[in-house]
Amino acid sequence: MRRKLLVNILIAVFFSLFLVEAHAAVQKSSLRGEKDFKKAQGEVTVSDAGADQKQISVSASGLKPNSIYTFWFVNEKPRMDMAGVGTGNYSFRSDAQGNAQYTAAVSQEELRRWNLFEVAYHPDQNPQNMENIQIALKGEVPGTAR
């Protein structure tokens, strides 16, 4: 009887540790609408994607329909700096209802360098043109409260 109880306790401890580890592997951050995008909102999910890699997924709503956006890492201090999240031109298109999804993989080291995420709207629909962009959504990189 004691042996069975001990085995059950060990199993419970193992699964508890597994659940804690699985939960720690996923972090979320809210994105809030900026200026002309006050009704927009979003969420960024950061999860493990293999050896020293993180998958970053963005889900947004309330954006301008059928429009081009790009996704950025940003530091405002000690000086303004930004870098695209992922590869290519970091762009995605909202659907007819103003909803959008974007997913990219980055190294854990790269993720640690940044404080904020920003989603930029490109009014001319050209993701390579950084003139006249508007920041639609902004939020903190999880685990970087500085």
C-alpha atoms as a PDB file:
ATOM      1  CA  MET A   1       0.000   0.000   0.000  1.00  0.00           C
ATOM      2  CA  ARG A   2       2.797   2.423   0.888  1.00  0.00           C
ATOM      3  CA  ARG A   3       4.641   1.539  -2.278  1.00  0.00           C
ATOM      4  CA  LYS A   4       1.563   2.312  -4.408  1.00  0.00           C
ATOM      5  CA  LEU A   5       1.104   5.635  -2.595  1.00  0.00           C
ATOM      6  CA  LEU A   6       4.761   6.526  -3.179  1.00  0.00           C
ATOM      7  CA  VAL A   7       4.481   5.664  -6.888  1.00  0.00           C
ATOM      8  CA  ASN A   8       1.342   7.813  -7.209  1.00  0.00           C
ATOM      9  CA  ILE A   9       3.069  10.740  -5.486  1.00  0.00           C
ATOM     10  CA  LEU A  10       6.081  10.437  -7.773  1.00  0.00           C
ATOM     11  CA  ILE A  11       3.836  10.358 -10.837  1.00  0.00           C
ATOM     12  CA  ALA A  12       1.952  13.432  -9.601  1.00  0.00           C
ATOM     13  CA  VAL A  13       5.200  15.322  -8.988  1.00  0.00           C
ATOM     14  CA  PHE A  14       6.525  14.377 -12.437  1.00  0.00           C
ATOM     15  CA  PHE A  15       3.383  15.598 -14.215  1.00  0.00           C
ATOM     16  CA  SER A  16       3.310  18.784 -12.131  1.00  0.00           C
ATOM     17  CA  LEU A  17       6.877  19.577 -13.162  1.00  0.00           C
ATOM     18  CA  PHE A  18       6.044  18.776 -16.798  1.00  0.00           C
ATOM     19  CA  LEU A  19       3.045  21.135 -16.750  1.00  0.00           C
ATOM     20  CA  VAL A  20       5.076  23.945 -15.172  1.00  0.00           C
ATOM     21  CA  GLU A  21       7.791  23.522 -17.810  1.00  0.00           C
ATOM     22  CA  ALA A  22       5.231  23.420 -20.649  1.00  0.00           C
ATOM     23  CA  HIS A  23       3.548  26.560 -19.325  1.00  0.00           C
ATOM     24  CA  ALA A  24       6.855  28.418 -19.054  1.00  0.00           C
ATOM     25  CA  ALA A  25       7.586  27.624 -22.700  1.00  0.00           C
ATOM     26  CA  VAL A  26       4.711  29.897 -23.870  1.00  0.00           C
ATOM     27  CA  GLN A  27       4.546  33.606 -23.087  1.00  0.00           C
ATOM     28  CA  LYS A  28       1.931  36.112 -24.242  1.00  0.00           C
ATOM     29  CA  SER A  29       1.853  39.856 -24.633  1.00  0.00           C
ATOM     30  CA  SER A  30      -1.040  42.161 -25.506  1.00  0.00           C
ATOM     31  CA  LEU A  31      -0.804  44.663 -28.327  1.00  0.00           C
ATOM     32  CA  ARG A  32      -2.736  47.924 -27.948  1.00  0.00           C
ATOM     33  CA  GLY A  33      -3.957  50.184 -30.718  1.00  0.00           C
ATOM     34  CA  GLU A  34      -2.108  53.453 -31.271  1.00  0.00           C
ATOM     35  CA  LYS A  35      -3.439  56.855 -32.518  1.00  0.00           C
ATOM     36  CA  ASP A  36      -5.591  56.151 -35.619  1.00  0.00           C
ATOM     37  CA  PHE A  37      -5.846  52.485 -34.596  1.00  0.00           C
ATOM     38  CA  LYS A  38      -7.467  52.866 -31.131  1.00  0.00           C
ATOM     39  CA  LYS A  39      -9.981  50.078 -31.888  1.00  0.00           C
ATOM     40  CA  ALA A  40      -7.245  47.688 -33.010  1.00  0.00           C
ATOM     41  CA  GLN A  41      -5.902  45.056 -30.653  1.00  0.00           C
ATOM     42  CA  GLY A  42      -3.708  42.021 -30.792  1.00  0.00           C
ATOM     43  CA  GLU A  43      -1.749  39.378 -29.003  1.00  0.00           C
ATOM     44  CA  VAL A  44       1.771  38.073 -29.459  1.00  0.00           C
ATOM     45  CA  THR A  45       2.550  34.502 -28.433  1.00  0.00           C
ATOM     46  CA  VAL A  46       6.176  33.485 -27.951  1.00  0.00           C
ATOM     47  CA  SER A  47       6.842  29.748 -27.774  1.00  0.00           C
ATOM     48  CA  ASP A  48       9.785  27.373 -27.988  1.00  0.00           C
ATOM     49  CA  ALA A  49      10.655  26.280 -31.519  1.00  0.00           C
ATOM     50  CA  GLY A  50      13.679  24.067 -31.029  1.00  0.00           C
ATOM     51  CA  ALA A  51      17.258  24.609 -29.956  1.00  0.00           C
ATOM     52  CA  ASP A  52      17.601  28.266 -28.925  1.00  0.00           C
ATOM     53  CA  GLN A  53      14.763  29.267 -31.284  1.00  0.00           C
ATOM     54  CA  LYS A  54      11.480  31.000 -30.490  1.00  0.00           C
ATOM     55  CA  GLN A  55       8.355  31.137 -32.595  1.00  0.00           C
ATOM     56  CA  ILE A  56       6.579  34.480 -32.466  1.00  0.00           C
ATOM     57  CA  SER A  57       2.946  34.541 -33.569  1.00  0.00           C
ATOM     58  CA  VAL A  58       0.835  37.671 -33.910  1.00  0.00           C
ATOM     59  CA  SER A  59      -2.941  37.722 -34.052  1.00  0.00           C
ATOM     60  CA  ALA A  60      -4.573  41.125 -34.604  1.00  0.00           C
ATOM     61  CA  SER A  61      -8.026  42.569 -35.196  1.00  0.00           C
ATOM     62  CA  GLY A  62      -9.475  46.021 -35.839  1.00  0.00           C
ATOM     63  CA  LEU A  63      -6.853  46.846 -38.477  1.00  0.00           C
ATOM     64  CA  LYS A  64      -7.580  48.613 -41.760  1.00  0.00           C
ATOM     65  CA  PRO A  65      -8.987  45.920 -44.089  1.00  0.00           C
ATOM     66  CA  ASN A  66      -6.961  44.486 -46.965  1.00  0.00           C
ATOM     67  CA  SER A  67      -3.859  46.425 -45.968  1.00  0.00           C
ATOM     68  CA  ILE A  68      -0.138  45.755 -45.598  1.00  0.00           C
ATOM     69  CA  TYR A  69       1.587  45.741 -42.194  1.00  0.00           C
ATOM     70  CA  THR A  70       5.076  44.900 -40.968  1.00  0.00           C
ATOM     71  CA  PHE A  71       6.171  43.515 -37.600  1.00  0.00           C
ATOM     72  CA  TRP A  72       9.108  45.004 -35.655  1.00  0.00           C
ATOM     73  CA  PHE A  73      11.268  44.672 -32.577  1.00  0.00           C
ATOM     74  CA  VAL A  74      11.829  48.095 -30.982  1.00  0.00           C
ATOM     75  CA  ASN A  75      13.973  49.649 -28.250  1.00  0.00           C
ATOM     76  CA  GLU A  76      13.197  53.246 -27.355  1.00  0.00           C
ATOM     77  CA  LYS A  77      15.999  53.624 -24.782  1.00  0.00           C
ATOM     78  CA  PRO A  78      18.906  54.233 -24.491  1.00  0.00           C
ATOM     79  CA  ARG A  79      18.363  55.151 -28.168  1.00  0.00           C
ATOM     80  CA  MET A  80      15.667  54.407 -30.734  1.00  0.00           C
ATOM     81  CA  ASP A  81      16.432  51.194 -32.597  1.00  0.00           C
ATOM     82  CA  MET A  82      14.320  48.718 -34.535  1.00  0.00           C
ATOM     83  CA  ALA A  83      14.639  45.500 -36.500  1.00  0.00           C
ATOM     84  CA  GLY A  84      12.153  43.408 -38.441  1.00  0.00           C
ATOM     85  CA  VAL A  85      10.842  40.245 -36.811  1.00  0.00           C
ATOM     86  CA  GLY A  86      11.518  37.200 -38.954  1.00  0.00           C
ATOM     87  CA  THR A  87      12.880  37.138 -42.483  1.00  0.00           C
ATOM     88  CA  GLY A  88      12.058  38.778 -45.783  1.00  0.00           C
ATOM     89  CA  ASN A  89      10.197  42.062 -45.577  1.00  0.00           C
ATOM     90  CA  TYR A  90       8.381  41.130 -42.300  1.00  0.00           C
ATOM     91  CA  SER A  91       5.055  41.875 -43.944  1.00  0.00           C
ATOM     92  CA  PHE A  92       1.543  40.512 -43.752  1.00  0.00           C
ATOM     93  CA  ARG A  93      -1.871  41.529 -45.065  1.00  0.00           C
ATOM     94  CA  SER A  94      -5.056  42.053 -43.102  1.00  0.00           C
ATOM     95  CA  ASP A  95      -8.199  40.397 -44.447  1.00  0.00           C
ATOM     96  CA  ALA A  96     -11.459  42.103 -45.487  1.00  0.00           C
ATOM     97  CA  GLN A  97     -12.543  42.250 -41.824  1.00  0.00           C
ATOM     98  CA  GLY A  98      -9.272  43.822 -40.601  1.00  0.00           C
ATOM     99  CA  ASN A  99      -7.932  40.617 -39.010  1.00  0.00           C
ATOM    100  CA  ALA A 100      -4.373  39.426 -39.528  1.00  0.00           C
ATOM    101  CA  GLN A 101      -1.923  36.699 -38.518  1.00  0.00           C
ATOM    102  CA  TYR A 102       1.864  36.596 -38.746  1.00  0.00           C
ATOM    103  CA  THR A 103       4.410  34.025 -37.562  1.00  0.00           C
ATOM    104  CA  ALA A 104       8.202  34.158 -37.505  1.00  0.00           C
ATOM    105  CA  ALA A 105      11.108  32.308 -35.883  1.00  0.00           C
ATOM    106  CA  VAL A 106      13.967  34.122 -34.161  1.00  0.00           C
ATOM    107  CA  SER A 107      16.802  33.145 -31.887  1.00  0.00           C
ATOM    108  CA  GLN A 108      16.295  33.420 -28.155  1.00  0.00           C
ATOM    109  CA  GLU A 109      19.323  35.737 -28.054  1.00  0.00           C
ATOM    110  CA  GLU A 110      17.698  38.087 -30.584  1.00  0.00           C
ATOM    111  CA  LEU A 111      14.444  38.147 -28.626  1.00  0.00           C
ATOM    112  CA  ARG A 112      16.278  39.119 -25.409  1.00  0.00           C
ATOM    113  CA  ARG A 113      17.733  42.250 -27.053  1.00  0.00           C
ATOM    114  CA  TRP A 114      14.363  44.002 -27.447  1.00  0.00           C
ATOM    115  CA  ASN A 115      11.758  45.703 -25.246  1.00  0.00           C
ATOM    116  CA  LEU A 116       8.793  46.258 -27.562  1.00  0.00           C
ATOM    117  CA  PHE A 117       6.879  44.835 -30.498  1.00  0.00           C
ATOM    118  CA  GLU A 118       5.320  47.190 -33.040  1.00  0.00           C
ATOM    119  CA  VAL A 119       3.022  46.567 -35.977  1.00  0.00           C
ATOM    120  CA  ALA A 120       3.427  49.244 -38.664  1.00  0.00           C
ATOM    121  CA  TYR A 121       0.771  50.141 -41.240  1.00  0.00           C
ATOM    122  CA  HIS A 122       1.982  50.961 -44.763  1.00  0.00           C
ATOM    123  CA  PRO A 123      -0.594  53.300 -46.367  1.00  0.00           C
ATOM    124  CA  ASP A 124       0.995  52.916 -49.813  1.00  0.00           C
ATOM    125  CA  GLN A 125       0.820  49.089 -49.474  1.00  0.00           C
ATOM    126  CA  ASN A 126       4.596  48.827 -49.995  1.00  0.00           C
ATOM    127  CA  PRO A 127       6.278  47.081 -47.018  1.00  0.00           C
ATOM    128  CA  GLN A 128       9.691  48.280 -48.166  1.00  0.00           C
ATOM    129  CA  ASN A 129       8.727  51.959 -48.003  1.00  0.00           C
ATOM    130  CA  MET A 130       9.243  53.178 -44.433  1.00  0.00           C
ATOM    131  CA  GLU A 131       8.149  56.749 -45.141  1.00  0.00           C
ATOM    132  CA  ASN A 132       4.702  57.703 -43.865  1.00  0.00           C
ATOM    133  CA  ILE A 133       4.249  54.453 -41.940  1.00  0.00           C
ATOM    134  CA  GLN A 134       1.952  54.565 -38.935  1.00  0.00           C
ATOM    135  CA  ILE A 135       2.351  52.454 -35.810  1.00  0.00           C
ATOM    136  CA  ALA A 136      -0.908  50.525 -35.507  1.00  0.00           C
ATOM    137  CA  LEU A 137      -0.154  48.287 -32.514  1.00  0.00           C
ATOM    138  CA  LYS A 138       2.415  48.294 -29.739  1.00  0.00           C
ATOM    139  CA  GLY A 139       3.226  45.964 -26.840  1.00  0.00           C
ATOM    140  CA  GLU A 140       6.000  44.704 -24.599  1.00  0.00           C
ATOM    141  CA  VAL A 141       8.220  41.763 -25.389  1.00  0.00           C
ATOM    142  CA  PRO A 142       7.337  39.170 -22.684  1.00  0.00           C
ATOM    143  CA  GLY A 143       9.811  38.927 -19.843  1.00  0.00           C
ATOM    144  CA  THR A 144      11.511  42.246 -20.569  1.00  0.00           C
ATOM    145  CA  ALA A 145       9.878  44.588 -18.051  1.00  0.00           C
ATOM    146  CA  ARG A 146      12.643  47.167 -17.808  1.00  0.00           C
END
